[in-house]
Protein backbone atom coordinates (compact mmCIF):
# COMPACT_ATOMS: atom_id res chain seq x y z
CA MET A 1 16.84 14.16 18.39
CA THR A 2 13.64 12.52 18.10
CA PRO A 3 12.18 10.09 15.85
CA TRP A 4 9.65 13.31 14.63
CA ASP A 5 12.98 14.48 13.55
CA LEU A 6 13.79 11.20 11.62
CA GLN A 7 10.57 11.29 10.03
CA LYS A 8 10.80 15.10 8.87
CA SER A 9 14.12 14.46 8.08
CA LEU A 10 13.90 11.51 5.94
CA ILE A 11 10.83 12.92 4.13
CA ALA A 12 12.69 16.13 2.78
CA GLU A 13 15.34 13.79 1.61
CA ILE A 14 12.89 11.45 -0.31
CA GLU A 15 11.57 14.86 -1.94
CA GLU A 16 14.65 16.03 -2.94
CA LEU A 17 15.91 12.40 -4.17
CA LEU A 18 12.67 11.76 -6.14
CA ALA A 19 12.42 15.83 -7.54
CA GLN A 20 13.56 15.27 -10.99
CA MET A 21 11.12 12.10 -11.83
CA GLN A 22 8.18 12.82 -13.91
CA LEU A 23 5.13 10.98 -13.49
CA LYS A 24 1.55 10.94 -13.38
CA ASN A 25 -1.21 12.13 -11.25
CA ALA A 26 -4.38 11.00 -11.07
CA ALA A 27 -5.96 12.86 -13.60
CA GLY A 28 -3.02 12.07 -16.02
CA GLU A 29 -1.44 14.70 -15.63
CA ASP A 30 2.18 15.23 -15.56
CA VAL A 31 4.06 16.31 -12.70
CA PHE A 32 7.09 16.76 -11.54
CA GLY A 33 8.68 15.09 -7.99
CA VAL A 34 6.64 12.82 -5.15
CA LYS A 35 4.92 14.66 -2.52
CA GLY A 36 5.75 12.72 1.41
CA TYR A 37 3.15 12.79 4.16
CA GLU A 38 4.24 11.74 7.69
CA GLN A 39 2.34 8.42 9.03
CA ARG A 40 -0.56 8.57 6.67
CA LEU A 41 -2.40 10.42 3.54
CA PRO A 42 -4.53 13.38 4.60
CA GLU A 43 -8.06 13.40 5.93
CA ILE A 44 -10.37 14.12 2.70
CA ALA A 45 -12.98 16.80 4.05
CA ASP A 46 -15.20 16.92 0.84
CA ASP A 47 -17.35 13.69 -0.17
CA GLU A 48 -16.72 14.62 -3.85
CA GLU A 49 -13.15 14.01 -3.57
CA ASP A 50 -11.10 10.68 -2.58
CA GLN A 51 -7.52 9.93 -1.69
CA SER A 52 -6.41 9.34 -5.74
CA GLN A 53 -6.08 13.19 -5.66
CA PHE A 54 -2.93 12.48 -3.74
CA PHE A 55 -1.17 10.68 -6.45
CA PRO A 56 2.13 10.66 -6.84
CA TYR A 57 2.54 10.36 -3.41
CA PHE A 58 5.02 8.71 -0.83
CA ILE A 59 4.38 7.98 3.49
CA VAL A 60 7.09 8.30 5.69
CA ARG A 61 5.56 5.89 9.19
CA ILE A 62 7.68 5.41 12.12
CA GLU A 63 6.86 1.99 12.97
CA GLU A 64 9.02 0.91 16.30
CA GLY A 65 11.78 1.78 18.36
CA ASN A 66 13.99 0.36 20.96
CA THR A 67 17.25 0.56 22.48
CA PRO A 68 19.10 -2.70 24.13
CA THR A 69 20.99 -0.36 26.52
CA ASP A 70 21.52 2.69 27.72
CA ASP A 71 24.51 3.69 26.15
CA GLU A 72 23.26 2.56 22.61
CA PRO A 73 20.79 4.97 20.42
CA TRP A 74 17.57 4.32 19.75
CA LEU A 75 17.01 1.82 16.37
CA VAL A 76 13.98 3.42 15.23
CA GLY A 77 12.22 1.52 12.31
CA THR A 78 10.65 3.39 9.69
CA THR A 79 8.31 2.42 6.19
CA VAL A 80 8.19 4.31 3.18
CA LEU A 81 4.88 3.46 1.71
CA PHE A 82 4.88 4.72 -1.96
CA GLY A 83 1.99 5.09 -4.62
CA ILE A 84 1.82 6.03 -7.92
CA CYS A 85 -0.64 5.81 -10.80
CA ASP A 86 0.12 5.16 -14.10
CA TYR A 87 -2.59 4.70 -17.00
CA ASP A 88 -0.03 3.08 -19.71
CA LYS A 89 -1.78 -0.02 -21.02
CA GLU A 90 1.69 -2.25 -21.05
CA THR A 91 1.26 -1.92 -17.10
CA ASN A 92 4.81 -1.02 -16.65
CA GLY A 93 4.28 0.77 -13.14
CA HIS A 94 6.13 -1.74 -11.40
CA ARG A 95 9.21 -0.07 -13.14
CA THR A 96 8.53 3.05 -12.07
CA ILE A 97 8.04 1.87 -8.15
CA LEU A 98 11.17 0.08 -8.01
CA GLU A 99 13.22 2.88 -9.55
CA MET A 100 11.98 4.99 -6.78
CA ILE A 101 13.39 2.47 -4.51
CA THR A 102 16.68 1.77 -5.70
CA LYS A 103 17.33 5.65 -5.52
CA ILE A 104 16.20 5.67 -2.44
CA THR A 105 18.08 2.75 -0.93
CA ASN A 106 21.33 3.49 -3.04
CA ARG A 107 21.74 6.57 -1.21
CA PHE A 108 21.20 4.90 2.12
CA LEU A 109 23.72 2.21 1.21
CA GLU A 110 25.65 4.68 -0.22
CA ARG A 111 25.60 7.56 1.97
CA PRO A 112 24.18 6.06 5.76
CA LEU A 113 23.98 9.31 7.51
CA LEU A 114 20.85 11.65 7.29
CA ASP A 115 21.36 15.43 8.40
CA SER A 116 24.42 14.69 10.53
CA LYS A 117 22.46 12.76 12.90
CA PHE A 118 20.78 10.05 12.00
CA ARG A 119 22.69 6.58 10.50
CA ALA A 120 21.02 3.77 8.59
CA ASN A 121 21.31 0.41 9.17
CA GLN A 122 22.47 -1.64 6.13
CA ASN A 123 19.68 -4.16 6.85
CA VAL A 124 16.90 -2.77 4.08
CA SER A 125 14.15 -4.51 2.65
CA PHE A 126 11.73 -3.66 -0.17
CA ALA A 127 8.41 -5.10 -1.71
CA LEU A 128 6.26 -4.40 -4.13
CA GLN A 129 2.46 -5.34 -4.05
CA ASP A 130 0.91 -8.42 -4.55
CA GLU A 131 -2.33 -7.35 -6.78
CA ASP A 132 -3.65 -5.93 -9.47
CA THR A 133 -4.85 -2.15 -8.47
CA TYR A 134 -4.20 -0.70 -12.46
CA PRO A 135 -3.40 2.10 -13.06
CA PHE A 136 -2.76 2.57 -8.93
CA TYR A 137 0.84 0.81 -8.08
CA PHE A 138 2.10 0.65 -4.70
CA GLY A 139 5.65 -0.55 -2.89
CA ALA A 140 7.46 -0.12 0.15
CA ILE A 141 10.99 -0.08 1.90
CA ASP A 142 11.80 -0.89 5.44
CA ILE A 143 14.85 0.70 6.75
CA LYS A 144 15.59 1.08 10.33
CA PHE A 145 17.85 4.64 11.58
CA TYR A 146 20.08 5.20 14.80
CA VAL A 147 18.84 8.30 16.35
CA PRO A 148 20.71 9.69 19.17
CA LYS A 149 19.20 9.66 22.38
CA ILE A 150 18.21 13.15 24.24
CA GLY A 151 20.52 14.24 26.84
CA ALA A 152 22.52 11.12 26.34
CA MET A 153 26.02 11.73 26.82
CA THR A 154 28.42 10.67 24.24
CA GLY A 155 31.75 8.62 25.46
CA HIS A 156 33.38 11.40 25.19
CA GLU A 157 31.06 13.56 26.99
CA ARG A 158 31.36 10.66 29.95
CA ILE A 159 35.21 10.53 29.95
CA SER A 160 35.49 14.51 30.23
CA LYS A 161 32.78 14.61 33.28
CA ASP A 162 34.28 11.85 35.01
CA ALA A 163 37.92 13.51 34.46
CA GLY A 164 36.72 16.56 36.14
CA ASP A 165 37.90 20.16 36.03
CA LYS A 166 41.76 20.65 34.92
CA SER A 167 41.93 23.59 36.18
CA THR A 168 40.26 23.23 39.78
CA GLY A 169 41.12 19.55 39.53
CA LYS A 170 37.51 19.10 41.39
CA LYS A 171 35.99 16.02 39.63
CA ASP A 172 32.06 16.72 38.86
CA THR A 173 29.73 14.91 41.06
CA GLY A 174 26.87 16.20 39.33
CA SER A 175 23.74 17.82 41.70
CA ASP A 176 23.58 15.35 44.51
CA GLY A 177 27.04 15.92 45.50
CA GLY A 178 28.01 12.61 44.07
CA LYS A 179 25.67 10.53 46.21
CA ASP A 180 23.89 7.29 43.94
């Protein structure tokens, strides 16, 4: 598994979680669901267009990764950024952002496993924007996931390899004949 696999899986999961939300696009039209993007919004090609055409949206960014030891999985930091448009004069767009954040954080706190491969760390944080950008509202979630290392043996596989082939009684010494 790779961080990119995590990113793709996380986008698909969040799109599904938010599929029934009724929001507005920048033109003020009702839309259902929220489109997800990897790392950033798409590049704008035409001078007549602007990034407001993507509202509502979310972006899944891979921020960092580390692994303390050879035996532990990667711990990959992600940030999920949200952007919505809400022309309501009561300026309650932050409530919609909080609803989105709650749906996602509750999902991973209740069921931390994603695609049977990635496990969410339970230390999750979120934030809302500081400044007034009416009618656009923004928020974010920071969540880390444990990502299995590619080619890394599990504890069970290591024990099986060390035990050797029971049928021949020979221990697997690898391609180097057991030399280090």
